[in-house]
C-alpha atoms as a PDB file:
ATOM      1  CA  MET A   1       0.000   0.000   0.000  1.00  0.00           C
ATOM      2  CA  ARG A   2       1.352   3.428  -0.928  1.00  0.00           C
ATOM      3  CA  ARG A   3       1.755   6.067   1.769  1.00  0.00           C
ATOM      4  CA  VAL A   4      -0.956   8.703   1.964  1.00  0.00           C
ATOM      5  CA  TYR A   5      -0.590  12.393   2.717  1.00  0.00           C
ATOM      6  CA  ASN A   6      -1.494  12.483   6.399  1.00  0.00           C
ATOM      7  CA  PHE A   7      -2.875  15.852   7.559  1.00  0.00           C
ATOM      8  CA  SER A   8      -3.592  14.644  11.106  1.00  0.00           C
ATOM      9  CA  ALA A   9      -3.236  17.175  13.920  1.00  0.00           C
ATOM     10  CA  GLY A  10      -1.448  14.582  16.047  1.00  0.00           C
ATOM     11  CA  PRO A  11      -0.059  12.014  16.241  1.00  0.00           C
ATOM     12  CA  ALA A  12       1.179  13.409  12.990  1.00  0.00           C
ATOM     13  CA  VAL A  13       3.345  12.810   9.957  1.00  0.00           C
ATOM     14  CA  LEU A  14       7.043  12.047  10.481  1.00  0.00           C
ATOM     15  CA  PRO A  15       9.859  12.507   7.929  1.00  0.00           C
ATOM     16  CA  GLU A  16      10.109   9.458   5.699  1.00  0.00           C
ATOM     17  CA  ALA A  17      13.910   9.499   5.985  1.00  0.00           C
ATOM     18  CA  VAL A  18      13.553   9.217   9.770  1.00  0.00           C
ATOM     19  CA  LEU A  19      11.099   6.329   9.500  1.00  0.00           C
ATOM     20  CA  GLU A  20      13.412   4.535   7.089  1.00  0.00           C
ATOM     21  CA  LYS A  21      16.415   4.932   9.390  1.00  0.00           C
ATOM     22  CA  ALA A  22      14.388   3.754  12.388  1.00  0.00           C
ATOM     23  CA  ALA A  23      13.225   0.749  10.368  1.00  0.00           C
ATOM     24  CA  SER A  24      16.810  -0.141   9.443  1.00  0.00           C
ATOM     25  CA  GLU A  25      17.793  -0.045  13.133  1.00  0.00           C
ATOM     26  CA  LEU A  26      14.639  -1.612  14.544  1.00  0.00           C
ATOM     27  CA  LEU A  27      15.988  -5.119  14.980  1.00  0.00           C
ATOM     28  CA  CYS A  28      19.539  -4.163  15.902  1.00  0.00           C
ATOM     29  CA  TYR A  29      20.725  -0.685  16.903  1.00  0.00           C
ATOM     30  CA  LYS A  30      24.283  -0.192  15.626  1.00  0.00           C
ATOM     31  CA  ASN A  31      26.501  -2.715  17.464  1.00  0.00           C
ATOM     32  CA  ALA A  32      24.224  -3.139  20.480  1.00  0.00           C
ATOM     33  CA  GLY A  33      22.808  -6.476  19.312  1.00  0.00           C
ATOM     34  CA  MET A  34      19.284  -5.390  20.242  1.00  0.00           C
ATOM     35  CA  SER A  35      16.568  -2.886  19.434  1.00  0.00           C
ATOM     36  CA  VAL A  36      16.403   0.453  21.261  1.00  0.00           C
ATOM     37  CA  MET A  37      13.002  -0.788  22.489  1.00  0.00           C
ATOM     38  CA  GLU A  38      14.782  -3.586  24.339  1.00  0.00           C
ATOM     39  CA  MET A  39      17.655  -1.502  25.628  1.00  0.00           C
ATOM     40  CA  SER A  40      18.218  -0.574  29.277  1.00  0.00           C
ATOM     41  CA  HIS A  41      17.898   3.130  29.900  1.00  0.00           C
ATOM     42  CA  ARG A  42      20.940   2.723  32.159  1.00  0.00           C
ATOM     43  CA  SER A  43      23.120   1.417  29.329  1.00  0.00           C
ATOM     44  CA  GLN A  44      25.856   3.490  27.731  1.00  0.00           C
ATOM     45  CA  ASP A  45      24.210   3.057  24.340  1.00  0.00           C
ATOM     46  CA  PHE A  46      21.034   4.752  25.523  1.00  0.00           C
ATOM     47  CA  GLN A  47      22.962   7.409  27.442  1.00  0.00           C
ATOM     48  CA  ASN A  48      24.642   8.294  24.155  1.00  0.00           C
ATOM     49  CA  ILE A  49      21.220   8.479  22.447  1.00  0.00           C
ATOM     50  CA  ILE A  50      19.682  10.851  24.986  1.00  0.00           C
ATOM     51  CA  ASP A  51      22.823  12.985  25.253  1.00  0.00           C
ATOM     52  CA  LYS A  52      22.960  13.455  21.480  1.00  0.00           C
ATOM     53  CA  ALA A  53      19.223  14.198  21.310  1.00  0.00           C
ATOM     54  CA  GLU A  54      19.622  16.949  23.888  1.00  0.00           C
ATOM     55  CA  ALA A  55      22.744  18.365  22.236  1.00  0.00           C
ATOM     56  CA  ASP A  56      21.029  18.460  18.826  1.00  0.00           C
ATOM     57  CA  LEU A  57      17.904  20.145  20.233  1.00  0.00           C
ATOM     58  CA  ARG A  58      20.089  22.719  21.970  1.00  0.00           C
ATOM     59  CA  LYS A  59      21.827  23.404  18.669  1.00  0.00           C
ATOM     60  CA  LEU A  60      18.562  23.652  16.719  1.00  0.00           C
ATOM     61  CA  MET A  61      16.962  26.098  19.155  1.00  0.00           C
ATOM     62  CA  ASN A  62      20.148  27.785  20.384  1.00  0.00           C
ATOM     63  CA  ILE A  63      19.176  26.923  23.960  1.00  0.00           C
ATOM     64  CA  PRO A  64      21.334  28.813  26.491  1.00  0.00           C
ATOM     65  CA  SER A  65      23.376  26.889  29.053  1.00  0.00           C
ATOM     66  CA  ASN A  66      21.235  28.161  31.949  1.00  0.00           C
ATOM     67  CA  TYR A  67      18.221  26.221  30.655  1.00  0.00           C
ATOM     68  CA  LYS A  68      17.601  22.544  31.340  1.00  0.00           C
ATOM     69  CA  VAL A  69      16.165  20.240  28.680  1.00  0.00           C
ATOM     70  CA  LEU A  70      13.946  17.504  30.079  1.00  0.00           C
ATOM     71  CA  PHE A  71      12.494  14.475  28.291  1.00  0.00           C
ATOM     72  CA  LEU A  72       9.335  13.607  30.232  1.00  0.00           C
ATOM     73  CA  GLN A  73       6.080  11.691  29.874  1.00  0.00           C
ATOM     74  CA  GLY A  74       2.402  12.543  30.268  1.00  0.00           C
ATOM     75  CA  GLY A  75       2.050  14.897  27.321  1.00  0.00           C
ATOM     76  CA  ALA A  76       1.418  18.623  27.510  1.00  0.00           C
ATOM     77  CA  THR A  77      -1.656  17.877  29.615  1.00  0.00           C
ATOM     78  CA  THR A  78       0.502  16.807  32.554  1.00  0.00           C
ATOM     79  CA  GLN A  79       2.343  20.115  32.223  1.00  0.00           C
ATOM     80  CA  PHE A  80      -0.953  21.908  32.929  1.00  0.00           C
ATOM     81  CA  SER A  81      -0.504  20.545  36.479  1.00  0.00           C
ATOM     82  CA  MET A  82       3.268  20.404  36.694  1.00  0.00           C
ATOM     83  CA  VAL A  83       3.820  24.086  35.887  1.00  0.00           C
ATOM     84  CA  PRO A  84       1.667  25.548  38.695  1.00  0.00           C
ATOM     85  CA  LEU A  85       2.772  22.864  41.163  1.00  0.00           C
ATOM     86  CA  ASN A  86       6.392  23.938  40.650  1.00  0.00           C
ATOM     87  CA  LEU A  87       6.088  27.652  39.836  1.00  0.00           C
ATOM     88  CA  PHE A  88       3.334  28.767  42.183  1.00  0.00           C
ATOM     89  CA  LYS A  89       4.610  30.890  45.056  1.00  0.00           C
ATOM     90  CA  ASN A  90       1.844  33.507  45.374  1.00  0.00           C
ATOM     91  CA  LYS A  91      -0.529  31.004  43.783  1.00  0.00           C
ATOM     92  CA  VAL A  92      -1.541  33.479  41.068  1.00  0.00           C
ATOM     93  CA  VAL A  93      -1.217  33.052  37.290  1.00  0.00           C
ATOM     94  CA  ASP A  94      -2.160  35.257  34.334  1.00  0.00           C
ATOM     95  CA  PHE A  95      -3.526  33.550  31.209  1.00  0.00           C
ATOM     96  CA  VAL A  96      -4.085  34.478  27.590  1.00  0.00           C
ATOM     97  CA  HIS A  97      -7.098  32.366  26.593  1.00  0.00           C
ATOM     98  CA  THR A  98      -7.034  31.345  22.934  1.00  0.00           C
ATOM     99  CA  GLY A  99      -8.631  27.920  22.726  1.00  0.00           C
ATOM    100  CA  VAL A 100      -9.207  24.431  24.064  1.00  0.00           C
ATOM    101  CA  TRP A 101      -5.694  23.913  25.416  1.00  0.00           C
ATOM    102  CA  SER A 102      -5.598  27.168  27.353  1.00  0.00           C
ATOM    103  CA  LYS A 103      -9.084  26.329  28.668  1.00  0.00           C
ATOM    104  CA  LYS A 104      -7.833  22.985  29.980  1.00  0.00           C
ATOM    105  CA  ALA A 105      -4.718  24.581  31.468  1.00  0.00           C
ATOM    106  CA  ILE A 106      -6.843  27.263  33.142  1.00  0.00           C
ATOM    107  CA  ALA A 107      -9.112  24.644  34.699  1.00  0.00           C
ATOM    108  CA  GLU A 108      -6.114  22.759  36.069  1.00  0.00           C
ATOM    109  CA  ALA A 109      -4.357  25.872  37.429  1.00  0.00           C
ATOM    110  CA  LYS A 110      -7.556  26.796  39.283  1.00  0.00           C
ATOM    111  CA  ARG A 111      -7.140  23.628  41.334  1.00  0.00           C
ATOM    112  CA  TYR A 112      -4.039  25.132  42.930  1.00  0.00           C
ATOM    113  CA  GLY A 113      -4.534  28.901  42.952  1.00  0.00           C
ATOM    114  CA  LYS A 114      -6.040  32.010  41.393  1.00  0.00           C
ATOM    115  CA  VAL A 115      -6.302  32.444  37.620  1.00  0.00           C
ATOM    116  CA  ASN A 116      -6.598  35.832  35.915  1.00  0.00           C
ATOM    117  CA  VAL A 117      -7.599  35.781  32.245  1.00  0.00           C
ATOM    118  CA  LEU A 118      -5.976  38.876  30.753  1.00  0.00           C
ATOM    119  CA  ALA A 119      -7.231  38.458  27.183  1.00  0.00           C
ATOM    120  CA  SER A 120      -9.572  36.045  25.423  1.00  0.00           C
ATOM    121  CA  SER A 121     -10.942  35.335  21.956  1.00  0.00           C
ATOM    122  CA  GLU A 122     -13.721  33.055  23.192  1.00  0.00           C
ATOM    123  CA  ASP A 123     -16.341  35.571  22.031  1.00  0.00           C
ATOM    124  CA  LYS A 124     -15.737  34.566  18.395  1.00  0.00           C
ATOM    125  CA  ASN A 125     -14.976  30.878  18.993  1.00  0.00           C
ATOM    126  CA  PHE A 126     -11.235  31.590  19.096  1.00  0.00           C
ATOM    127  CA  ALA A 127     -11.052  32.623  15.433  1.00  0.00           C
ATOM    128  CA  TYR A 128      -8.510  35.342  16.228  1.00  0.00           C
ATOM    129  CA  ILE A 129      -5.761  36.246  18.687  1.00  0.00           C
ATOM    130  CA  PRO A 130      -6.833  38.976  21.142  1.00  0.00           C
ATOM    131  CA  SER A 131      -4.655  42.077  21.490  1.00  0.00           C
ATOM    132  CA  LEU A 132      -1.684  41.369  23.721  1.00  0.00           C
ATOM    133  CA  ASP A 133      -0.564  44.995  23.938  1.00  0.00           C
ATOM    134  CA  ASN A 134      -0.482  46.612  27.375  1.00  0.00           C
ATOM    135  CA  LEU A 135      -1.856  43.623  29.233  1.00  0.00           C
ATOM    136  CA  ASN A 136      -2.807  44.265  32.841  1.00  0.00           C
ATOM    137  CA  ILE A 137      -0.190  41.925  34.280  1.00  0.00           C
ATOM    138  CA  SER A 138      -0.954  41.035  37.883  1.00  0.00           C
ATOM    139  CA  LYS A 139       1.645  42.336  40.324  1.00  0.00           C
ATOM    140  CA  ASP A 140       1.542  39.073  42.258  1.00  0.00           C
ATOM    141  CA  ALA A 141       1.466  36.740  39.232  1.00  0.00           C
ATOM    142  CA  ASP A 142       3.925  33.867  39.437  1.00  0.00           C
ATOM    143  CA  TYR A 143       3.970  33.561  35.642  1.00  0.00           C
ATOM    144  CA  VAL A 144       2.058  34.308  32.430  1.00  0.00           C
ATOM    145  CA  HIS A 145       0.794  31.351  30.374  1.00  0.00           C
ATOM    146  CA  ILE A 146       0.229  31.369  26.602  1.00  0.00           C
ATOM    147  CA  VAL A 147      -0.489  28.745  23.946  1.00  0.00           C
ATOM    148  CA  GLN A 148       1.678  29.855  21.037  1.00  0.00           C
ATOM    149  CA  ASN A 149      -0.151  27.939  18.306  1.00  0.00           C
ATOM    150  CA  ASN A 150      -3.724  26.691  18.542  1.00  0.00           C
ATOM    151  CA  THR A 151      -4.023  23.322  16.854  1.00  0.00           C
ATOM    152  CA  ILE A 152      -7.810  23.153  16.861  1.00  0.00           C
ATOM    153  CA  PHE A 153      -8.676  26.691  15.801  1.00  0.00           C
ATOM    154  CA  GLY A 154      -5.708  27.383  13.516  1.00  0.00           C
ATOM    155  CA  THR A 155      -4.435  30.571  15.152  1.00  0.00           C
ATOM    156  CA  LYS A 156      -0.932  31.667  16.098  1.00  0.00           C
ATOM    157  CA  ILE A 157       0.516  34.269  18.457  1.00  0.00           C
ATOM    158  CA  SER A 158       2.998  36.222  16.358  1.00  0.00           C
ATOM    159  CA  LYS A 159       4.028  38.899  18.876  1.00  0.00           C
ATOM    160  CA  LEU A 160       4.782  37.935  22.457  1.00  0.00           C
ATOM    161  CA  PRO A 161       3.191  39.947  25.268  1.00  0.00           C
ATOM    162  CA  ASP A 162       5.257  42.188  27.525  1.00  0.00           C
ATOM    163  CA  THR A 163       4.977  40.347  30.845  1.00  0.00           C
ATOM    164  CA  LEU A 164       6.664  43.164  32.811  1.00  0.00           C
ATOM    165  CA  GLY A 165       9.336  40.808  34.037  1.00  0.00           C
ATOM    166  CA  LYS A 166       7.017  37.952  35.007  1.00  0.00           C
ATOM    167  CA  PRO A 167       8.131  34.516  33.746  1.00  0.00           C
ATOM    168  CA  LEU A 168       6.539  33.605  30.402  1.00  0.00           C
ATOM    169  CA  VAL A 169       5.394  30.000  30.028  1.00  0.00           C
ATOM    170  CA  SER A 170       4.527  28.794  26.526  1.00  0.00           C
ATOM    171  CA  ASP A 171       2.771  25.665  25.347  1.00  0.00           C
ATOM    172  CA  MET A 172       4.521  25.019  22.011  1.00  0.00           C
ATOM    173  CA  SER A 173       3.154  21.550  21.371  1.00  0.00           C
ATOM    174  CA  SER A 174       2.123  22.289  17.798  1.00  0.00           C
ATOM    175  CA  ASN A 175       4.715  24.828  16.666  1.00  0.00           C
ATOM    176  CA  ILE A 176       8.032  23.959  18.314  1.00  0.00           C
ATOM    177  CA  LEU A 177      10.889  23.847  15.764  1.00  0.00           C
ATOM    178  CA  SER A 178       8.635  25.279  13.040  1.00  0.00           C
ATOM    179  CA  GLU A 179      10.296  28.720  13.002  1.00  0.00           C
ATOM    180  CA  PRO A 180      13.166  30.511  14.741  1.00  0.00           C
ATOM    181  CA  MET A 181      12.434  31.535  18.327  1.00  0.00           C
ATOM    182  CA  ASN A 182      14.510  33.187  21.030  1.00  0.00           C
ATOM    183  CA  VAL A 183      14.429  30.761  23.961  1.00  0.00           C
ATOM    184  CA  GLU A 184      15.514  33.523  26.327  1.00  0.00           C
ATOM    185  CA  ASP A 185      12.147  35.229  25.773  1.00  0.00           C
ATOM    186  CA  TYR A 186      10.608  32.377  27.764  1.00  0.00           C
ATOM    187  CA  ALA A 187      11.064  31.048  31.271  1.00  0.00           C
ATOM    188  CA  LEU A 188       9.583  27.656  30.398  1.00  0.00           C
ATOM    189  CA  ILE A 189       8.592  25.974  27.146  1.00  0.00           C
ATOM    190  CA  PHE A 190       6.776  22.657  26.972  1.00  0.00           C
ATOM    191  CA  ALA A 191       5.636  20.554  24.041  1.00  0.00           C
ATOM    192  CA  GLY A 192       4.091  17.163  23.468  1.00  0.00           C
ATOM    193  CA  ALA A 193       6.231  15.475  20.827  1.00  0.00           C
ATOM    194  CA  GLN A 194       3.472  13.971  18.710  1.00  0.00           C
ATOM    195  CA  LYS A 195       2.778  16.964  16.480  1.00  0.00           C
ATOM    196  CA  ASN A 196       6.136  18.283  15.279  1.00  0.00           C
ATOM    197  CA  ILE A 197       8.915  16.267  16.909  1.00  0.00           C
ATOM    198  CA  GLY A 198       8.302  12.535  17.212  1.00  0.00           C
ATOM    199  CA  PRO A 199       5.879   9.816  18.280  1.00  0.00           C
ATOM    200  CA  ALA A 200       3.368  10.236  21.083  1.00  0.00           C
ATOM    201  CA  GLY A 201       4.680   9.441  24.535  1.00  0.00           C
ATOM    202  CA  THR A 202       7.498  11.968  24.921  1.00  0.00           C
ATOM    203  CA  THR A 203       7.192  15.500  26.266  1.00  0.00           C
ATOM    204  CA  ILE A 204       9.897  18.156  25.934  1.00  0.00           C
ATOM    205  CA  VAL A 205      10.362  20.736  28.693  1.00  0.00           C
ATOM    206  CA  ILE A 206      12.868  23.578  28.364  1.00  0.00           C
ATOM    207  CA  ILE A 207      13.099  25.377  31.701  1.00  0.00           C
ATOM    208  CA  ARG A 208      15.305  28.165  33.045  1.00  0.00           C
ATOM    209  CA  GLU A 209      17.396  26.811  35.887  1.00  0.00           C
ATOM    210  CA  ASP A 210      16.373  29.436  38.449  1.00  0.00           C
ATOM    211  CA  LEU A 211      12.822  28.037  38.305  1.00  0.00           C
ATOM    212  CA  ILE A 212      13.997  24.575  39.354  1.00  0.00           C
ATOM    213  CA  THR A 213      13.790  24.710  43.144  1.00  0.00           C
ATOM    214  CA  ASP A 214      12.602  22.801  46.187  1.00  0.00           C
ATOM    215  CA  ASP A 215       9.859  25.388  46.615  1.00  0.00           C
ATOM    216  CA  TYR A 216       6.992  23.469  45.024  1.00  0.00           C
ATOM    217  CA  LEU A 217       3.483  23.200  46.410  1.00  0.00           C
ATOM    218  CA  GLU A 218       3.122  20.924  49.396  1.00  0.00           C
ATOM    219  CA  GLY A 219       2.070  17.428  48.414  1.00  0.00           C
ATOM    220  CA  THR A 220       3.476  17.617  44.880  1.00  0.00           C
ATOM    221  CA  PRO A 221       4.275  14.034  43.797  1.00  0.00           C
ATOM    222  CA  LEU A 222       7.944  13.276  43.131  1.00  0.00           C
ATOM    223  CA  MET A 223       7.165  12.533  39.479  1.00  0.00           C
ATOM    224  CA  LEU A 224       5.763  16.048  39.063  1.00  0.00           C
ATOM    225  CA  GLN A 225       8.795  17.866  40.457  1.00  0.00           C
ATOM    226  CA  TYR A 226      11.099  19.419  37.858  1.00  0.00           C
ATOM    227  CA  LYS A 227      14.052  19.197  40.240  1.00  0.00           C
ATOM    228  CA  ILE A 228      13.771  15.418  40.450  1.00  0.00           C
ATOM    229  CA  HIS A 229      13.946  15.029  36.663  1.00  0.00           C
ATOM    230  CA  ALA A 230      16.601  17.698  36.148  1.00  0.00           C
ATOM    231  CA  GLY A 231      18.808  16.153  38.807  1.00  0.00           C
ATOM    232  CA  LYS A 232      18.549  12.694  37.262  1.00  0.00           C
ATOM    233  CA  GLY A 233      19.100  13.662  33.624  1.00  0.00           C
ATOM    234  CA  SER A 234      15.477  12.848  32.735  1.00  0.00           C
ATOM    235  CA  MET A 235      15.984   9.340  34.100  1.00  0.00           C
ATOM    236  CA  TYR A 236      14.479   9.400  37.593  1.00  0.00           C
ATOM    237  CA  ASN A 237      12.372   6.520  36.297  1.00  0.00           C
ATOM    238  CA  THR A 238      12.411   4.657  32.994  1.00  0.00           C
ATOM    239  CA  PRO A 239      11.867   7.346  30.356  1.00  0.00           C
ATOM    240  CA  PRO A 240      10.107   6.805  26.991  1.00  0.00           C
ATOM    241  CA  THR A 241      13.305   5.409  25.515  1.00  0.00           C
ATOM    242  CA  TYR A 242      12.150   4.636  21.986  1.00  0.00           C
ATOM    243  CA  GLY A 243      10.286   7.930  21.739  1.00  0.00           C
ATOM    244  CA  ILE A 244      13.427   9.834  22.757  1.00  0.00           C
ATOM    245  CA  TYR A 245      15.412   7.892  20.162  1.00  0.00           C
ATOM    246  CA  MET A 246      12.873   8.864  17.481  1.00  0.00           C
ATOM    247  CA  CYS A 247      12.933  12.512  18.586  1.00  0.00           C
ATOM    248  CA  GLY A 248      16.706  12.400  18.302  1.00  0.00           C
ATOM    249  CA  LEU A 249      16.448  11.123  14.722  1.00  0.00           C
ATOM    250  CA  VAL A 250      14.119  14.024  13.879  1.00  0.00           C
ATOM    251  CA  PHE A 251      16.542  16.549  15.428  1.00  0.00           C
ATOM    252  CA  GLU A 252      19.383  15.011  13.437  1.00  0.00           C
ATOM    253  CA  HIS A 253      17.306  15.132  10.261  1.00  0.00           C
ATOM    254  CA  LEU A 254      16.512  18.824  10.769  1.00  0.00           C
ATOM    255  CA  LEU A 255      20.163  19.700  11.356  1.00  0.00           C
ATOM    256  CA  GLU A 256      21.187  17.811   8.217  1.00  0.00           C
ATOM    257  CA  ASN A 257      18.662  19.808   6.199  1.00  0.00           C
ATOM    258  CA  GLY A 258      19.502  23.363   7.237  1.00  0.00           C
ATOM    259  CA  GLY A 259      18.037  23.607  10.724  1.00  0.00           C
ATOM    260  CA  VAL A 260      15.071  25.643  11.910  1.00  0.00           C
ATOM    261  CA  GLU A 261      15.535  28.579   9.538  1.00  0.00           C
ATOM    262  CA  ALA A 262      15.467  26.264   6.525  1.00  0.00           C
ATOM    263  CA  ILE A 263      12.345  24.425   7.683  1.00  0.00           C
ATOM    264  CA  TYR A 264      10.690  27.779   8.432  1.00  0.00           C
ATOM    265  CA  GLN A 265      11.135  28.855   4.814  1.00  0.00           C
ATOM    266  CA  LYS A 266       9.607  25.558   3.661  1.00  0.00           C
ATOM    267  CA  ASN A 267       6.709  26.017   6.100  1.00  0.00           C
ATOM    268  CA  LEU A 268       6.050  29.519   4.769  1.00  0.00           C
ATOM    269  CA  LYS A 269       5.984  28.206   1.211  1.00  0.00           C
ATOM    270  CA  LYS A 270       3.508  25.453   2.105  1.00  0.00           C
ATOM    271  CA  ALA A 271       1.227  27.709   4.128  1.00  0.00           C
ATOM    272  CA  ASN A 272       1.231  30.474   1.525  1.00  0.00           C
ATOM    273  CA  LEU A 273       0.248  28.006  -1.195  1.00  0.00           C
ATOM    274  CA  LEU A 274      -2.712  26.759   0.823  1.00  0.00           C
ATOM    275  CA  TYR A 275      -3.871  30.150   2.105  1.00  0.00           C
ATOM    276  CA  ASP A 276      -3.560  31.735  -1.341  1.00  0.00           C
ATOM    277  CA  THR A 277      -5.767  28.964  -2.699  1.00  0.00           C
ATOM    278  CA  LEU A 278      -8.348  29.568   0.026  1.00  0.00           C
ATOM    279  CA  ASP A 279      -8.315  33.318  -0.580  1.00  0.00           C
ATOM    280  CA  GLY A 280      -8.889  32.768  -4.290  1.00  0.00           C
ATOM    281  CA  SER A 281     -11.652  30.193  -3.858  1.00  0.00           C
ATOM    282  CA  LYS A 282     -15.378  30.811  -4.256  1.00  0.00           C
ATOM    283  CA  MET A 283     -16.248  27.595  -2.424  1.00  0.00           C
ATOM    284  CA  PHE A 284     -13.791  27.433   0.472  1.00  0.00           C
ATOM    285  CA  SER A 285     -12.822  30.065   3.016  1.00  0.00           C
ATOM    286  CA  GLY A 286     -10.481  30.168   5.975  1.00  0.00           C
ATOM    287  CA  THR A 287     -12.020  30.320   9.447  1.00  0.00           C
ATOM    288  CA  VAL A 288      -9.324  32.510  11.037  1.00  0.00           C
ATOM    289  CA  ARG A 289      -8.577  36.247  10.851  1.00  0.00           C
ATOM    290  CA  LYS A 290      -5.793  36.588   8.274  1.00  0.00           C
ATOM    291  CA  GLU A 291      -3.180  38.194  10.520  1.00  0.00           C
ATOM    292  CA  ASP A 292      -3.567  35.394  13.075  1.00  0.00           C
ATOM    293  CA  ARG A 293      -3.293  32.399  10.745  1.00  0.00           C
ATOM    294  CA  SER A 294      -1.237  29.427  11.869  1.00  0.00           C
ATOM    295  CA  LEU A 295       1.630  28.048   9.798  1.00  0.00           C
ATOM    296  CA  MET A 296       0.949  24.590  11.158  1.00  0.00           C
ATOM    297  CA  ASN A 297      -2.843  24.094  11.243  1.00  0.00           C
ATOM    298  CA  VAL A 298      -4.994  25.491   8.443  1.00  0.00           C
ATOM    299  CA  THR A 299      -8.737  25.522   9.169  1.00  0.00           C
ATOM    300  CA  PHE A 300     -11.271  26.084   6.394  1.00  0.00           C
ATOM    301  CA  ALA A 301     -14.790  25.190   5.274  1.00  0.00           C
ATOM    302  CA  SER A 302     -17.337  25.502   2.503  1.00  0.00           C
ATOM    303  CA  ASN A 303     -20.735  27.073   3.165  1.00  0.00           C
ATOM    304  CA  SER A 304     -22.367  23.629   3.164  1.00  0.00           C
ATOM    305  CA  GLU A 305     -21.987  20.848   5.694  1.00  0.00           C
ATOM    306  CA  GLU A 306     -22.952  18.371   2.969  1.00  0.00           C
ATOM    307  CA  LEU A 307     -20.117  19.639   0.755  1.00  0.00           C
ATOM    308  CA  ASN A 308     -17.671  19.495   3.667  1.00  0.00           C
ATOM    309  CA  LYS A 309     -18.489  15.821   4.233  1.00  0.00           C
ATOM    310  CA  LYS A 310     -18.237  15.063   0.533  1.00  0.00           C
ATOM    311  CA  PHE A 311     -14.886  16.849   0.303  1.00  0.00           C
ATOM    312  CA  ILE A 312     -13.422  14.900   3.243  1.00  0.00           C
ATOM    313  CA  ALA A 313     -14.648  11.569   1.873  1.00  0.00           C
ATOM    314  CA  GLU A 314     -13.392  12.149  -1.679  1.00  0.00           C
ATOM    315  CA  ALA A 315     -10.091  13.554  -0.404  1.00  0.00           C
ATOM    316  CA  LYS A 316      -9.524  10.304   1.479  1.00  0.00           C
ATOM    317  CA  GLU A 317     -10.179   8.342  -1.700  1.00  0.00           C
ATOM    318  CA  ASN A 318      -7.407  10.423  -3.288  1.00  0.00           C
ATOM    319  CA  GLY A 319      -4.851   9.692  -0.554  1.00  0.00           C
ATOM    320  CA  LEU A 320      -5.422  12.918   1.429  1.00  0.00           C
ATOM    321  CA  VAL A 321      -6.420  11.772   4.911  1.00  0.00           C
ATOM    322  CA  ASN A 322      -7.381  13.189   8.313  1.00  0.00           C
ATOM    323  CA  LEU A 323      -8.793  16.444   6.963  1.00  0.00           C
ATOM    324  CA  LYS A 324     -11.916  16.537   9.114  1.00  0.00           C
ATOM    325  CA  GLY A 325     -12.000  19.621  11.322  1.00  0.00           C
ATOM    326  CA  HIS A 326     -12.304  19.417  15.084  1.00  0.00           C
ATOM    327  CA  ARG A 327     -15.897  19.319  16.332  1.00  0.00           C
ATOM    328  CA  SER A 328     -15.380  22.752  17.956  1.00  0.00           C
ATOM    329  CA  VAL A 329     -14.872  24.325  14.528  1.00  0.00           C
ATOM    330  CA  GLY A 330     -16.278  21.912  11.957  1.00  0.00           C
ATOM    331  CA  GLY A 331     -15.264  22.023   8.315  1.00  0.00           C
ATOM    332  CA  MET A 332     -11.752  20.931   7.471  1.00  0.00           C
ATOM    333  CA  ARG A 333      -8.309  21.199   9.010  1.00  0.00           C
ATOM    334  CA  ALA A 334      -5.021  20.539   7.267  1.00  0.00           C
ATOM    335  CA  SER A 335      -2.130  20.154   9.669  1.00  0.00           C
ATOM    336  CA  ILE A 336       1.010  20.885   7.675  1.00  0.00           C
ATOM    337  CA  TYR A 337       3.756  20.327  10.214  1.00  0.00           C
ATOM    338  CA  ASN A 338       7.478  20.280   9.402  1.00  0.00           C
ATOM    339  CA  ALA A 339       7.352  16.733   8.061  1.00  0.00           C
ATOM    340  CA  MET A 340       4.506  17.389   5.610  1.00  0.00           C
ATOM    341  CA  PRO A 341       6.233  17.751   2.235  1.00  0.00           C
ATOM    342  CA  TYR A 342       5.393  20.565  -0.170  1.00  0.00           C
ATOM    343  CA  GLU A 343       4.138  17.885  -2.559  1.00  0.00           C
ATOM    344  CA  GLY A 344       1.465  16.937  -0.026  1.00  0.00           C
ATOM    345  CA  VAL A 345       0.135  20.484   0.183  1.00  0.00           C
ATOM    346  CA  LYS A 346       0.292  20.802  -3.606  1.00  0.00           C
ATOM    347  CA  ALA A 347      -1.739  17.588  -3.941  1.00  0.00           C
ATOM    348  CA  LEU A 348      -4.316  18.987  -1.506  1.00  0.00           C
ATOM    349  CA  VAL A 349      -4.541  22.289  -3.372  1.00  0.00           C
ATOM    350  CA  ASP A 350      -4.922  20.535  -6.734  1.00  0.00           C
ATOM    351  CA  PHE A 351      -7.716  18.408  -5.289  1.00  0.00           C
ATOM    352  CA  MET A 352      -9.451  21.484  -3.807  1.00  0.00           C
ATOM    353  CA  ILE A 353      -9.426  23.211  -7.201  1.00  0.00           C
ATOM    354  CA  LYS A 354     -10.715  20.084  -8.935  1.00  0.00           C
ATOM    355  CA  PHE A 355     -13.422  19.560  -6.311  1.00  0.00           C
ATOM    356  CA  GLU A 356     -14.601  23.156  -6.593  1.00  0.00           C
ATOM    357  CA  ARG A 357     -14.742  22.937 -10.365  1.00  0.00           C
ATOM    358  CA  GLU A 358     -16.814  19.745 -10.247  1.00  0.00           C
ATOM    359  CA  ASN A 359     -19.177  20.854  -7.503  1.00  0.00           C
END
């Protein structure tokens, strides 16, 4: 069976070159005589794997030496708890509310302290990014939380808010490594791997060292303490070894192909092709305000639910899969992460034009 173009929001497409290398090493990793899946996380072979993965990620993102890189489990959802449990001192957090994932993070933070929502786009079903200029940052806020890219609604924060010195925490699950970013603008970055890095099961946390303390909320489980993981090199318990190995292959692949700046230019080309097609269409239209459009998740629809269903079904027949929009938005969603080739977006655009002509 030939491979399809997979526009899933996550778990998502991986680079074919990475899958091929993983396949070649599946039975026997180098000279280890075993698969990485069978390998002890305490072995030197795996230590080399995780060390190289961290070094390559540091190189890709230019991560300063005063930031720790952690390979954890539990997805971004666990970080909704882990961040307040470790960063709360005054038990106050400021949020920018831009979709489902900020809503879930807000609900979790409320379990431990006070939440102030400084800006929200809920009034228009999160189809835009609210103004982040001159936010009323709380004097006693422990940090400010944003979701940089909104997978479900297809929006993206392009300009970071001025947090007036408060630590900025960013959920980058669906846009990490997609464009150049200055890590020093953030106090903590977290990302589930399954959208733009690797297979589900691994979570990346990049945290400034001064935030790693013993001053976490009373009763915080050991597994939810950043200091435990930082002090043990992400191996307090058995980490997601194969997932980390796969992430490392993706980092290596990106470095071999020009790094983050090079993939950013490819992402711009893909997104522009798709958005230009939407803007020129009489059948389809984007669901997001133009200046807030995501590079990673493109949401669109026709003016007919019947046509939307027909489009999704016929697209699948043509090898273009997982285009159904989230139930919160409806319509269609094309997730065009780093690993989605330009040819995949071109095939989607050609099908859209053909479908419009025939319908």
